[in-house]
Amino acid sequence: MDLRRQLTDLCNAFNAHDLDLLMTYFAEDCILEMPRGRDPWGSRFEGKTKVREALATRFQGLPDVTYNNAEHFVDEASGTGISRWTLMGTSLSGTKTKVQGCDLYTFRNGQVIRKDSYWKIVE
């Protein structure tokens, strides 16, 4: 499996806002951890249905969101990958966001079982 290609394809699907395509990369028992939340890990969503709902909120909250200047790093032996990017988008209220971040991915049998997202806090 070419995990670097998987990460590139995932990033392209995110930039296309194609939830149906995105979800083809995720296993049924996947976990998504988003940066914001009340817990030390942010917000956690478990299972394909909950992960899809959480990802949909990203596109709703930042309708023009894009992940730019993406770089992908992989360890094929362990089934892990990192995507580093600059997120850019405009909220529904008109607030512009530009922030660097990364996603830590874990794969099993070619599908994402964990996506753990981080980004810088811009003040």
PDB file of N, CA and C in Angstrom:
ATOM      1  N   MET A   1       0.837  -1.178   0.000  1.00  0.00           N
ATOM      2  CA  MET A   1       0.000   0.000   0.000  1.00  0.00           C
ATOM      3  C   MET A   1       0.882   1.241   0.000  1.00  0.00           C
ATOM      4  N   ASP A   2       0.500   2.215  -0.765  1.00  0.00           N
ATOM      5  CA  ASP A   2       1.244   3.466  -0.856  1.00  0.00           C
ATOM      6  C   ASP A   2       0.545   4.506   0.023  1.00  0.00           C
ATOM      7  N   LEU A   3       0.981   4.588   1.284  1.00  0.00           N
ATOM      8  CA  LEU A   3       0.331   5.496   2.230  1.00  0.00           C
ATOM      9  C   LEU A   3       0.499   6.962   1.841  1.00  0.00           C
ATOM     10  N   ARG A   4       1.625   7.297   1.239  1.00  0.00           N
ATOM     11  CA  ARG A   4       1.822   8.687   0.814  1.00  0.00           C
ATOM     12  C   ARG A   4       0.749   9.062  -0.224  1.00  0.00           C
ATOM     13  N   ARG A   5       0.475   8.153  -1.148  1.00  0.00           N
ATOM     14  CA  ARG A   5      -0.574   8.385  -2.152  1.00  0.00           C
ATOM     15  C   ARG A   5      -1.948   8.511  -1.463  1.00  0.00           C
ATOM     16  N   GLN A   6      -2.190   7.656  -0.454  1.00  0.00           N
ATOM     17  CA  GLN A   6      -3.449   7.721   0.307  1.00  0.00           C
ATOM     18  C   GLN A   6      -3.613   9.098   0.953  1.00  0.00           C
ATOM     19  N   LEU A   7      -2.545   9.596   1.565  1.00  0.00           N
ATOM     20  CA  LEU A   7      -2.611  10.896   2.228  1.00  0.00           C
ATOM     21  C   LEU A   7      -2.854  12.018   1.221  1.00  0.00           C
ATOM     22  N   THR A   8      -2.214  11.935   0.075  1.00  0.00           N
ATOM     23  CA  THR A   8      -2.435  12.930  -0.983  1.00  0.00           C
ATOM     24  C   THR A   8      -3.881  12.884  -1.455  1.00  0.00           C
ATOM     25  N   ASP A   9      -4.402  11.680  -1.668  1.00  0.00           N
ATOM     26  CA  ASP A   9      -5.793  11.530  -2.106  1.00  0.00           C
ATOM     27  C   ASP A   9      -6.780  12.022  -1.051  1.00  0.00           C
ATOM     28  N   LEU A  10      -6.487  11.744   0.222  1.00  0.00           N
ATOM     29  CA  LEU A  10      -7.332  12.248   1.309  1.00  0.00           C
ATOM     30  C   LEU A  10      -7.362  13.774   1.307  1.00  0.00           C
ATOM     31  N   CYS A  11      -6.204  14.384   1.174  1.00  0.00           N
ATOM     32  CA  CYS A  11      -6.121  15.849   1.162  1.00  0.00           C
ATOM     33  C   CYS A  11      -6.917  16.412  -0.012  1.00  0.00           C
ATOM     34  N   ASN A  12      -6.794  15.781  -1.168  1.00  0.00           N
ATOM     35  CA  ASN A  12      -7.552  16.236  -2.339  1.00  0.00           C
ATOM     36  C   ASN A  12      -9.057  16.110  -2.098  1.00  0.00           C
ATOM     37  N   ALA A  13      -9.480  15.034  -1.461  1.00  0.00           N
ATOM     38  CA  ALA A  13     -10.905  14.846  -1.156  1.00  0.00           C
ATOM     39  C   ALA A  13     -11.392  15.898  -0.160  1.00  0.00           C
ATOM     40  N   PHE A  14     -10.553  16.230   0.842  1.00  0.00           N
ATOM     41  CA  PHE A  14     -10.909  17.298   1.772  1.00  0.00           C
ATOM     42  C   PHE A  14     -11.067  18.618   1.021  1.00  0.00           C
ATOM     43  N   ASN A  15     -10.135  18.921   0.136  1.00  0.00           N
ATOM     44  CA  ASN A  15     -10.206  20.178  -0.606  1.00  0.00           C
ATOM     45  C   ASN A  15     -11.386  20.226  -1.563  1.00  0.00           C
ATOM     46  N   ALA A  16     -11.850  19.079  -2.012  1.00  0.00           N
ATOM     47  CA  ALA A  16     -13.025  19.011  -2.881  1.00  0.00           C
ATOM     48  C   ALA A  16     -14.330  19.011  -2.081  1.00  0.00           C
ATOM     49  N   HIS A  17     -14.227  18.916  -0.748  1.00  0.00           N
ATOM     50  CA  HIS A  17     -15.396  18.849   0.142  1.00  0.00           C
ATOM     51  C   HIS A  17     -16.291  17.666  -0.226  1.00  0.00           C
ATOM     52  N   ASP A  18     -15.662  16.580  -0.632  1.00  0.00           N
ATOM     53  CA  ASP A  18     -16.385  15.392  -1.094  1.00  0.00           C
ATOM     54  C   ASP A  18     -16.488  14.375   0.039  1.00  0.00           C
ATOM     55  N   LEU A  19     -17.532  14.516   0.873  1.00  0.00           N
ATOM     56  CA  LEU A  19     -17.711  13.639   2.031  1.00  0.00           C
ATOM     57  C   LEU A  19     -17.867  12.170   1.632  1.00  0.00           C
ATOM     58  N   ASP A  20     -18.584  11.921   0.546  1.00  0.00           N
ATOM     59  CA  ASP A  20     -18.762  10.531   0.112  1.00  0.00           C
ATOM     60  C   ASP A  20     -17.416   9.896  -0.217  1.00  0.00           C
ATOM     61  N   LEU A  21     -16.593  10.595  -0.976  1.00  0.00           N
ATOM     62  CA  LEU A  21     -15.267  10.083  -1.302  1.00  0.00           C
ATOM     63  C   LEU A  21     -14.407   9.960  -0.047  1.00  0.00           C
ATOM     64  N   LEU A  22     -14.429  10.982   0.795  1.00  0.00           N
ATOM     65  CA  LEU A  22     -13.639  10.953   2.029  1.00  0.00           C
ATOM     66  C   LEU A  22     -13.930   9.712   2.861  1.00  0.00           C
ATOM     67  N   MET A  23     -15.192   9.412   3.003  1.00  0.00           N
ATOM     68  CA  MET A  23     -15.572   8.308   3.879  1.00  0.00           C
ATOM     69  C   MET A  23     -15.167   6.944   3.318  1.00  0.00           C
ATOM     70  N   THR A  24     -14.850   6.857   2.034  1.00  0.00           N
ATOM     71  CA  THR A  24     -14.371   5.582   1.487  1.00  0.00           C
ATOM     72  C   THR A  24     -12.997   5.236   2.043  1.00  0.00           C
ATOM     73  N   TYR A  25     -12.274   6.211   2.560  1.00  0.00           N
ATOM     74  CA  TYR A  25     -10.941   5.984   3.119  1.00  0.00           C
ATOM     75  C   TYR A  25     -10.979   5.527   4.578  1.00  0.00           C
ATOM     76  N   PHE A  26     -12.134   5.666   5.224  1.00  0.00           N
ATOM     77  CA  PHE A  26     -12.237   5.393   6.655  1.00  0.00           C
ATOM     78  C   PHE A  26     -12.864   4.026   6.932  1.00  0.00           C
ATOM     79  N   ALA A  27     -12.310   3.333   7.922  1.00  0.00           N
ATOM     80  CA  ALA A  27     -12.850   2.043   8.368  1.00  0.00           C
ATOM     81  C   ALA A  27     -14.121   2.279   9.170  1.00  0.00           C
ATOM     82  N   GLU A  28     -14.949   1.258   9.291  1.00  0.00           N
ATOM     83  CA  GLU A  28     -16.201   1.359  10.054  1.00  0.00           C
ATOM     84  C   GLU A  28     -15.945   1.759  11.507  1.00  0.00           C
ATOM     85  N   ASP A  29     -14.846   1.276  12.091  1.00  0.00           N
ATOM     86  CA  ASP A  29     -14.557   1.541  13.509  1.00  0.00           C
ATOM     87  C   ASP A  29     -13.566   2.694  13.706  1.00  0.00           C
ATOM     88  N   CYS A  30     -13.549   3.633  12.773  1.00  0.00           N
ATOM     89  CA  CYS A  30     -12.584   4.736  12.809  1.00  0.00           C
ATOM     90  C   CYS A  30     -12.852   5.680  13.982  1.00  0.00           C
ATOM     91  N   ILE A  31     -11.812   6.438  14.289  1.00  0.00           N
ATOM     92  CA  ILE A  31     -11.867   7.455  15.343  1.00  0.00           C
ATOM     93  C   ILE A  31     -11.305   8.749  14.771  1.00  0.00           C
ATOM     94  N   LEU A  32     -11.984   9.854  15.062  1.00  0.00           N
ATOM     95  CA  LEU A  32     -11.533  11.187  14.677  1.00  0.00           C
ATOM     96  C   LEU A  32     -11.387  11.999  15.949  1.00  0.00           C
ATOM     97  N   GLU A  33     -10.229  12.619  16.118  1.00  0.00           N
ATOM     98  CA  GLU A  33     -10.012  13.540  17.234  1.00  0.00           C
ATOM     99  C   GLU A  33      -9.717  14.918  16.663  1.00  0.00           C
ATOM    100  N   MET A  34     -10.587  15.869  17.019  1.00  0.00           N
ATOM    101  CA  MET A  34     -10.467  17.241  16.538  1.00  0.00           C
ATOM    102  C   MET A  34      -9.805  18.094  17.615  1.00  0.00           C
ATOM    103  N   PRO A  35      -9.114  19.176  17.226  1.00  0.00           N
ATOM    104  CA  PRO A  35      -8.348  19.970  18.189  1.00  0.00           C
ATOM    105  C   PRO A  35      -9.167  20.616  19.299  1.00  0.00           C
ATOM    106  N   ARG A  36     -10.336  21.104  18.992  1.00  0.00           N
ATOM    107  CA  ARG A  36     -11.129  21.822  20.006  1.00  0.00           C
ATOM    108  C   ARG A  36     -11.984  20.845  20.805  1.00  0.00           C
ATOM    109  N   GLY A  37     -12.126  21.143  22.077  1.00  0.00           N
ATOM    110  CA  GLY A  37     -12.990  20.333  22.913  1.00  0.00           C
ATOM    111  C   GLY A  37     -12.687  20.555  24.379  1.00  0.00           C
ATOM    112  N   ARG A  38     -13.462  19.911  25.219  1.00  0.00           N
ATOM    113  CA  ARG A  38     -13.322  20.063  26.668  1.00  0.00           C
ATOM    114  C   ARG A  38     -12.306  19.115  27.265  1.00  0.00           C
ATOM    115  N   ASP A  39     -11.910  18.115  26.502  1.00  0.00           N
ATOM    116  CA  ASP A  39     -10.990  17.102  27.009  1.00  0.00           C
ATOM    117  C   ASP A  39      -9.587  17.343  26.477  1.00  0.00           C
ATOM    118  N   PRO A  40      -8.575  16.746  27.102  1.00  0.00           N
ATOM    119  CA  PRO A  40      -7.191  16.938  26.658  1.00  0.00           C
ATOM    120  C   PRO A  40      -6.969  16.542  25.192  1.00  0.00           C
ATOM    121  N   TRP A  41      -7.797  15.637  24.664  1.00  0.00           N
ATOM    122  CA  TRP A  41      -7.653  15.195  23.270  1.00  0.00           C
ATOM    123  C   TRP A  41      -8.535  16.004  22.329  1.00  0.00           C
ATOM    124  N   GLY A  42      -9.225  17.009  22.827  1.00  0.00           N
ATOM    125  CA  GLY A  42     -10.129  17.800  22.004  1.00  0.00           C
ATOM    126  C   GLY A  42     -11.501  17.157  22.001  1.00  0.00           C
ATOM    127  N   SER A  43     -12.048  16.922  20.830  1.00  0.00           N
ATOM    128  CA  SER A  43     -13.334  16.229  20.676  1.00  0.00           C
ATOM    129  C   SER A  43     -13.080  14.914  19.955  1.00  0.00           C
ATOM    130  N   ARG A  44     -13.680  13.854  20.444  1.00  0.00           N
ATOM    131  CA  ARG A  44     -13.488  12.520  19.853  1.00  0.00           C
ATOM    132  C   ARG A  44     -14.806  12.022  19.275  1.00  0.00           C
ATOM    133  N   PHE A  45     -14.725  11.495  18.067  1.00  0.00           N
ATOM    134  CA  PHE A  45     -15.876  10.920  17.379  1.00  0.00           C
ATOM    135  C   PHE A  45     -15.517   9.494  16.991  1.00  0.00           C
ATOM    136  N   GLU A  46     -16.382   8.551  17.313  1.00  0.00           N
ATOM    137  CA  GLU A  46     -16.085   7.142  17.078  1.00  0.00           C
ATOM    138  C   GLU A  46     -17.119   6.521  16.164  1.00  0.00           C
ATOM    139  N   GLY A  47     -16.636   5.787  15.168  1.00  0.00           N
ATOM    140  CA  GLY A  47     -17.503   5.129  14.201  1.00  0.00           C
ATOM    141  C   GLY A  47     -17.711   5.998  12.979  1.00  0.00           C
ATOM    142  N   LYS A  48     -17.898   5.352  11.856  1.00  0.00           N
ATOM    143  CA  LYS A  48     -17.967   6.038  10.567  1.00  0.00           C
ATOM    144  C   LYS A  48     -19.084   7.084  10.508  1.00  0.00           C
ATOM    145  N   THR A  49     -20.234   6.798  11.091  1.00  0.00           N
ATOM    146  CA  THR A  49     -21.351   7.738  11.056  1.00  0.00           C
ATOM    147  C   THR A  49     -21.015   9.010  11.817  1.00  0.00           C
ATOM    148  N   LYS A  50     -20.471   8.876  13.017  1.00  0.00           N
ATOM    149  CA  LYS A  50     -20.119  10.044  13.844  1.00  0.00           C
ATOM    150  C   LYS A  50     -18.967  10.834  13.219  1.00  0.00           C
ATOM    151  N   VAL A  51     -18.002  10.124  12.639  1.00  0.00           N
ATOM    152  CA  VAL A  51     -16.875  10.796  11.988  1.00  0.00           C
ATOM    153  C   VAL A  51     -17.379  11.608  10.799  1.00  0.00           C
ATOM    154  N   ARG A  52     -18.265  11.032  10.015  1.00  0.00           N
ATOM    155  CA  ARG A  52     -18.820  11.758   8.864  1.00  0.00           C
ATOM    156  C   ARG A  52     -19.541  13.025   9.334  1.00  0.00           C
ATOM    157  N   GLU A  53     -20.344  12.913  10.381  1.00  0.00           N
ATOM    158  CA  GLU A  53     -21.068  14.080  10.909  1.00  0.00           C
ATOM    159  C   GLU A  53     -20.092  15.162  11.354  1.00  0.00           C
ATOM    160  N   ALA A  54     -19.018  14.768  12.022  1.00  0.00           N
ATOM    161  CA  ALA A  54     -18.030  15.744  12.499  1.00  0.00           C
ATOM    162  C   ALA A  54     -17.321  16.424  11.333  1.00  0.00           C
ATOM    163  N   LEU A  55     -16.952  15.646  10.316  1.00  0.00           N
ATOM    164  CA  LEU A  55     -16.286  16.235   9.151  1.00  0.00           C
ATOM    165  C   LEU A  55     -17.232  17.172   8.400  1.00  0.00           C
ATOM    166  N   ALA A  56     -18.502  16.841   8.370  1.00  0.00           N
ATOM    167  CA  ALA A  56     -19.481  17.704   7.703  1.00  0.00           C
ATOM    168  C   ALA A  56     -19.532  19.075   8.370  1.00  0.00           C
ATOM    169  N   THR A  57     -19.366  19.114   9.701  1.00  0.00           N
ATOM    170  CA  THR A  57     -19.399  20.402  10.400  1.00  0.00           C
ATOM    171  C   THR A  57     -18.232  21.291   9.985  1.00  0.00           C
ATOM    172  N   ARG A  58     -17.102  20.685   9.633  1.00  0.00           N
ATOM    173  CA  ARG A  58     -15.957  21.491   9.158  1.00  0.00           C
ATOM    174  C   ARG A  58     -16.340  22.223   7.889  1.00  0.00           C
ATOM    175  N   PHE A  59     -17.000  21.534   6.960  1.00  0.00           N
ATOM    176  CA  PHE A  59     -17.388  22.160   5.701  1.00  0.00           C
ATOM    177  C   PHE A  59     -18.532  23.154   5.892  1.00  0.00           C
ATOM    178  N   GLN A  60     -19.376  22.923   6.887  1.00  0.00           N
ATOM    179  CA  GLN A  60     -20.467  23.853   7.162  1.00  0.00           C
ATOM    180  C   GLN A  60     -19.943  25.122   7.830  1.00  0.00           C
ATOM    181  N   GLY A  61     -19.016  24.967   8.773  1.00  0.00           N
ATOM    182  CA  GLY A  61     -18.492  26.108   9.522  1.00  0.00           C
ATOM    183  C   GLY A  61     -17.515  26.958   8.733  1.00  0.00           C
ATOM    184  N   LEU A  62     -16.781  26.323   7.825  1.00  0.00           N
ATOM    185  CA  LEU A  62     -15.840  27.016   6.942  1.00  0.00           C
ATOM    186  C   LEU A  62     -16.136  26.543   5.516  1.00  0.00           C
ATOM    187  N   PRO A  63     -17.165  27.086   4.881  1.00  0.00           N
ATOM    188  CA  PRO A  63     -17.611  26.561   3.590  1.00  0.00           C
ATOM    189  C   PRO A  63     -16.561  26.571   2.482  1.00  0.00           C
ATOM    190  N   ASP A  64     -15.565  27.444   2.595  1.00  0.00           N
ATOM    191  CA  ASP A  64     -14.521  27.505   1.561  1.00  0.00           C
ATOM    192  C   ASP A  64     -13.188  26.944   2.062  1.00  0.00           C
ATOM    193  N   VAL A  65     -13.218  26.123   3.093  1.00  0.00           N
ATOM    194  CA  VAL A  65     -11.989  25.615   3.695  1.00  0.00           C
ATOM    195  C   VAL A  65     -11.129  24.857   2.680  1.00  0.00           C
ATOM    196  N   THR A  66      -9.822  25.115   2.750  1.00  0.00           N
ATOM    197  CA  THR A  66      -8.846  24.364   1.950  1.00  0.00           C
ATOM    198  C   THR A  66      -7.631  24.060   2.808  1.00  0.00           C
ATOM    199  N   TYR A  67      -6.967  22.988   2.450  1.00  0.00           N
ATOM    200  CA  TYR A  67      -5.729  22.564   3.104  1.00  0.00           C
ATOM    201  C   TYR A  67      -4.626  22.748   2.076  1.00  0.00           C
ATOM    202  N   ASN A  68      -3.800  23.760   2.296  1.00  0.00           N
ATOM    203  CA  ASN A  68      -2.811  24.183   1.307  1.00  0.00           C
ATOM    204  C   ASN A  68      -1.403  23.788   1.723  1.00  0.00           C
ATOM    205  N   ASN A  69      -0.511  23.779   0.740  1.00  0.00           N
ATOM    206  CA  ASN A  69       0.908  23.479   0.972  1.00  0.00           C
ATOM    207  C   ASN A  69       1.096  22.168   1.731  1.00  0.00           C
ATOM    208  N   ALA A  70       0.293  21.181   1.404  1.00  0.00           N
ATOM    209  CA  ALA A  70       0.327  19.911   2.137  1.00  0.00           C
ATOM    210  C   ALA A  70       1.625  19.150   1.882  1.00  0.00           C
ATOM    211  N   GLU A  71       2.152  18.595   2.956  1.00  0.00           N
ATOM    212  CA  GLU A  71       3.301  17.697   2.911  1.00  0.00           C
ATOM    213  C   GLU A  71       2.901  16.430   3.637  1.00  0.00           C
ATOM    214  N   HIS A  72       3.347  15.279   3.140  1.00  0.00           N
ATOM    215  CA  HIS A  72       2.945  14.009   3.714  1.00  0.00           C
ATOM    216  C   HIS A  72       4.184  13.184   4.062  1.00  0.00           C
ATOM    217  N   PHE A  73       4.137  12.593   5.239  1.00  0.00           N
ATOM    218  CA  PHE A  73       5.234  11.773   5.749  1.00  0.00           C
ATOM    219  C   PHE A  73       4.641  10.446   6.196  1.00  0.00           C
ATOM    220  N   VAL A  74       5.312   9.360   5.894  1.00  0.00           N
ATOM    221  CA  VAL A  74       4.746   8.043   6.212  1.00  0.00           C
ATOM    222  C   VAL A  74       5.784   7.093   6.798  1.00  0.00           C
ATOM    223  N   ASP A  75       5.272   6.153   7.551  1.00  0.00           N
ATOM    224  CA  ASP A  75       6.026   4.979   7.992  1.00  0.00           C
ATOM    225  C   ASP A  75       5.186   3.777   7.573  1.00  0.00           C
ATOM    226  N   GLU A  76       5.485   3.253   6.415  1.00  0.00           N
ATOM    227  CA  GLU A  76       4.692   2.152   5.846  1.00  0.00           C
ATOM    228  C   GLU A  76       4.649   0.952   6.789  1.00  0.00           C
ATOM    229  N   ALA A  77       5.764   0.664   7.456  1.00  0.00           N
ATOM    230  CA  ALA A  77       5.838  -0.531   8.310  1.00  0.00           C
ATOM    231  C   ALA A  77       4.833  -0.482   9.454  1.00  0.00           C
ATOM    232  N   SER A  78       4.624   0.704  10.017  1.00  0.00           N
ATOM    233  CA  SER A  78       3.703   0.815  11.156  1.00  0.00           C
ATOM    234  C   SER A  78       2.296   1.243  10.737  1.00  0.00           C
ATOM    235  N   GLY A  79       2.123   1.594   9.461  1.00  0.00           N
ATOM    236  CA  GLY A  79       0.816   2.037   9.000  1.00  0.00           C
ATOM    237  C   GLY A  79       0.434   3.407   9.521  1.00  0.00           C
ATOM    238  N   THR A  80       1.426   4.280   9.674  1.00  0.00           N
ATOM    239  CA  THR A  80       1.150   5.625  10.160  1.00  0.00           C
ATOM    240  C   THR A  80       1.583   6.669   9.140  1.00  0.00           C
ATOM    241  N   GLY A  81       0.925   7.824   9.204  1.00  0.00           N
ATOM    242  CA  GLY A  81       1.270   8.925   8.326  1.00  0.00           C
ATOM    243  C   GLY A  81       0.943  10.248   8.973  1.00  0.00           C
ATOM    244  N   ILE A  82       1.623  11.275   8.499  1.00  0.00           N
ATOM    245  CA  ILE A  82       1.389  12.637   8.968  1.00  0.00           C
ATOM    246  C   ILE A  82       1.185  13.512   7.743  1.00  0.00           C
ATOM    247  N   SER A  83       0.151  14.324   7.784  1.00  0.00           N
ATOM    248  CA  SER A  83      -0.058  15.357   6.774  1.00  0.00           C
ATOM    249  C   SER A  83       0.062  16.702   7.458  1.00  0.00           C
ATOM    250  N   ARG A  84       0.943  17.532   6.938  1.00  0.00           N
ATOM    251  CA  ARG A  84       1.118  18.894   7.458  1.00  0.00           C
ATOM    252  C   ARG A  84       0.576  19.849   6.403  1.00  0.00           C
ATOM    253  N   TRP A  85      -0.139  20.903   6.844  1.00  0.00           N
ATOM    254  CA  TRP A  85      -0.835  21.764   5.905  1.00  0.00           C
ATOM    255  C   TRP A  85      -1.066  23.145   6.512  1.00  0.00           C
ATOM    256  N   THR A  86      -1.543  24.057   5.666  1.00  0.00           N
ATOM    257  CA  THR A  86      -2.043  25.355   6.110  1.00  0.00           C
ATOM    258  C   THR A  86      -3.526  25.396   5.770  1.00  0.00           C
ATOM    259  N   LEU A  87      -4.345  25.462   6.810  1.00  0.00           N
ATOM    260  CA  LEU A  87      -5.790  25.547   6.637  1.00  0.00           C
ATOM    261  C   LEU A  87      -6.158  26.998   6.397  1.00  0.00           C
ATOM    262  N   MET A  88      -6.983  27.215   5.385  1.00  0.00           N
ATOM    263  CA  MET A  88      -7.487  28.554   5.098  1.00  0.00           C
ATOM    264  C   MET A  88      -8.986  28.461   4.839  1.00  0.00           C
ATOM    265  N   GLY A  89      -9.732  29.421   5.369  1.00  0.00           N
ATOM    266  CA  GLY A  89     -11.164  29.430   5.132  1.00  0.00           C
ATOM    267  C   GLY A  89     -11.822  30.629   5.782  1.00  0.00           C
ATOM    268  N   THR A  90     -13.091  30.811   5.454  1.00  0.00           N
ATOM    269  CA  THR A  90     -13.878  31.925   5.960  1.00  0.00           C
ATOM    270  C   THR A  90     -15.121  31.364   6.636  1.00  0.00           C
ATOM    271  N   SER A  91     -15.352  31.775   7.881  1.00  0.00           N
ATOM    272  CA  SER A  91     -16.532  31.305   8.614  1.00  0.00           C
ATOM    273  C   SER A  91     -17.799  31.944   8.046  1.00  0.00           C
ATOM    274  N   LEU A  92     -18.929  31.437   8.482  1.00  0.00           N
ATOM    275  CA  LEU A  92     -20.216  31.980   8.035  1.00  0.00           C
ATOM    276  C   LEU A  92     -20.383  33.443   8.438  1.00  0.00           C
ATOM    277  N   SER A  93     -19.710  33.850   9.522  1.00  0.00           N
ATOM    278  CA  SER A  93     -19.799  35.247   9.969  1.00  0.00           C
ATOM    279  C   SER A  93     -18.780  36.149   9.264  1.00  0.00           C
ATOM    280  N   GLY A  94     -17.955  35.563   8.393  1.00  0.00           N
ATOM    281  CA  GLY A  94     -16.991  36.353   7.634  1.00  0.00           C
ATOM    282  C   GLY A  94     -15.589  36.378   8.207  1.00  0.00           C
ATOM    283  N   THR A  95     -15.363  35.695   9.323  1.00  0.00           N
ATOM    284  CA  THR A  95     -14.034  35.654   9.924  1.00  0.00           C
ATOM    285  C   THR A  95     -13.124  34.750   9.105  1.00  0.00           C
ATOM    286  N   LYS A  96     -11.977  35.309   8.729  1.00  0.00           N
ATOM    287  CA  LYS A  96     -11.010  34.536   7.950  1.00  0.00           C
ATOM    288  C   LYS A  96     -10.076  33.783   8.889  1.00  0.00           C
ATOM    289  N   THR A  97      -9.770  32.540   8.512  1.00  0.00           N
ATOM    290  CA  THR A  97      -8.867  31.697   9.286  1.00  0.00           C
ATOM    291  C   THR A  97      -7.710  31.271   8.400  1.00  0.00           C
ATOM    292  N   LYS A  98      -6.503  31.371   8.938  1.00  0.00           N
ATOM    293  CA  LYS A  98      -5.308  30.845   8.281  1.00  0.00           C
ATOM    294  C   LYS A  98      -4.435  30.301   9.399  1.00  0.00           C
ATOM    295  N   VAL A  99      -4.241  28.993   9.399  1.00  0.00           N
ATOM    296  CA  VAL A  99      -3.527  28.369  10.502  1.00  0.00           C
ATOM    297  C   VAL A  99      -2.793  27.124  10.002  1.00  0.00           C
ATOM    298  N   GLN A 100      -1.606  26.902  10.540  1.00  0.00           N
ATOM    299  CA  GLN A 100      -0.867  25.688  10.212  1.00  0.00           C
ATOM    300  C   GLN A 100      -1.263  24.573  11.157  1.00  0.00           C
ATOM    301  N   GLY A 101      -1.260  23.363  10.635  1.00  0.00           N
ATOM    302  CA  GLY A 101      -1.615  22.223  11.450  1.00  0.00           C
ATOM    303  C   GLY A 101      -1.159  20.927  10.817  1.00  0.00           C
ATOM    304  N   CYS A 102      -1.551  19.841  11.458  1.00  0.00           N
ATOM    305  CA  CYS A 102      -1.202  18.524  10.932  1.00  0.00           C
ATOM    306  C   CYS A 102      -2.234  17.503  11.384  1.00  0.00           C
ATOM    307  N   ASP A 103      -2.277  16.422  10.654  1.00  0.00           N
ATOM    308  CA  ASP A 103      -3.106  15.276  10.998  1.00  0.00           C
ATOM    309  C   ASP A 103      -2.198  14.071  11.163  1.00  0.00           C
ATOM    310  N   LEU A 104      -2.412  13.326  12.245  1.00  0.00           N
ATOM    311  CA  LEU A 104      -1.711  12.071  12.468  1.00  0.00           C
ATOM    312  C   LEU A 104      -2.683  10.957  12.119  1.00  0.00           C
ATOM    313  N   TYR A 105      -2.313  10.143  11.156  1.00  0.00           N
ATOM    314  CA  TYR A 105      -3.186   9.068  10.676  1.00  0.00           C
ATOM    315  C   TYR A 105      -2.632   7.709  11.079  1.00  0.00           C
ATOM    316  N   THR A 106      -3.538   6.796  11.375  1.00  0.00           N
ATOM    317  CA  THR A 106      -3.207   5.385  11.553  1.00  0.00           C
ATOM    318  C   THR A 106      -4.078   4.601  10.586  1.00  0.00           C
ATOM    319  N   PHE A 107      -3.440   3.701   9.842  1.00  0.00           N
ATOM    320  CA  PHE A 107      -4.135   2.892   8.842  1.00  0.00           C
ATOM    321  C   PHE A 107      -4.136   1.422   9.249  1.00  0.00           C
ATOM    322  N   ARG A 108      -5.188   0.729   8.843  1.00  0.00           N
ATOM    323  CA  ARG A 108      -5.263  -0.724   8.958  1.00  0.00           C
ATOM    324  C   ARG A 108      -5.887  -1.232   7.658  1.00  0.00           C
ATOM    325  N   ASN A 109      -5.188  -2.143   7.017  1.00  0.00           N
ATOM    326  CA  ASN A 109      -5.687  -2.711   5.757  1.00  0.00           C
ATOM    327  C   ASN A 109      -6.091  -1.629   4.758  1.00  0.00           C
ATOM    328  N   GLY A 110      -5.296  -0.574   4.697  1.00  0.00           N
ATOM    329  CA  GLY A 110      -5.529   0.478   3.718  1.00  0.00           C
ATOM    330  C   GLY A 110      -6.594   1.490   4.076  1.00  0.00           C
ATOM    331  N   GLN A 111      -7.194   1.365   5.251  1.00  0.00           N
ATOM    332  CA  GLN A 111      -8.224   2.322   5.656  1.00  0.00           C
ATOM    333  C   GLN A 111      -7.801   3.057   6.924  1.00  0.00           C
ATOM    334  N   VAL A 112      -8.280   4.288   7.050  1.00  0.00           N
ATOM    335  CA  VAL A 112      -7.986   5.106   8.221  1.00  0.00           C
ATOM    336  C   VAL A 112      -8.767   4.555   9.414  1.00  0.00           C
ATOM    337  N   ILE A 113      -8.028   4.258  10.491  1.00  0.00           N
ATOM    338  CA  ILE A 113      -8.703   3.869  11.731  1.00  0.00           C
ATOM    339  C   ILE A 113      -8.606   4.975  12.782  1.00  0.00           C
ATOM    340  N   ARG A 114      -7.690   5.922  12.581  1.00  0.00           N
ATOM    341  CA  ARG A 114      -7.588   7.070  13.480  1.00  0.00           C
ATOM    342  C   ARG A 114      -7.035   8.262  12.711  1.00  0.00           C
ATOM    343  N   LYS A 115      -7.702   9.397  12.908  1.00  0.00           N
ATOM    344  CA  LYS A 115      -7.231  10.686  12.395  1.00  0.00           C
ATOM    345  C   LYS A 115      -7.233  11.629  13.580  1.00  0.00           C
ATOM    346  N   ASP A 116      -6.067  12.084  13.965  1.00  0.00           N
ATOM    347  CA  ASP A 116      -5.885  12.944  15.129  1.00  0.00           C
ATOM    348  C   ASP A 116      -5.361  14.284  14.619  1.00  0.00           C
ATOM    349  N   SER A 117      -6.160  15.345  14.743  1.00  0.00           N
ATOM    350  CA  SER A 117      -5.842  16.648  14.155  1.00  0.00           C
ATOM    351  C   SER A 117      -5.317  17.640  15.186  1.00  0.00           C
ATOM    352  N   TYR A 118      -4.358  18.441  14.737  1.00  0.00           N
ATOM    353  CA  TYR A 118      -3.759  19.487  15.559  1.00  0.00           C
ATOM    354  C   TYR A 118      -3.593  20.732  14.713  1.00  0.00           C
ATOM    355  N   TRP A 119      -3.744  21.912  15.342  1.00  0.00           N
ATOM    356  CA  TRP A 119      -3.356  23.139  14.658  1.00  0.00           C
ATOM    357  C   TRP A 119      -2.911  24.178  15.660  1.00  0.00           C
ATOM    358  N   LYS A 120      -2.160  25.140  15.128  1.00  0.00           N
ATOM    359  CA  LYS A 120      -1.629  26.220  15.946  1.00  0.00           C
ATOM    360  C   LYS A 120      -2.766  27.096  16.470  1.00  0.00           C
ATOM    361  N   ILE A 121      -2.532  27.708  17.612  1.00  0.00           N
ATOM    362  CA  ILE A 121      -3.485  28.654  18.180  1.00  0.00           C
ATOM    363  C   ILE A 121      -3.018  30.048  17.761  1.00  0.00           C
ATOM    364  N   VAL A 122      -3.834  30.708  16.956  1.00  0.00           N
ATOM    365  CA  VAL A 122      -3.488  32.041  16.463  1.00  0.00           C
ATOM    366  C   VAL A 122      -4.217  33.056  17.330  1.00  0.00           C
ATOM    367  N   GLU A 123      -3.428  33.969  17.930  1.00  0.00           N
ATOM    368  CA  GLU A 123      -4.018  34.971  18.835  1.00  0.00           C
ATOM    369  C   GLU A 123      -3.852  36.361  18.253  1.00  0.00           C
TER     370      GLU A 123
END
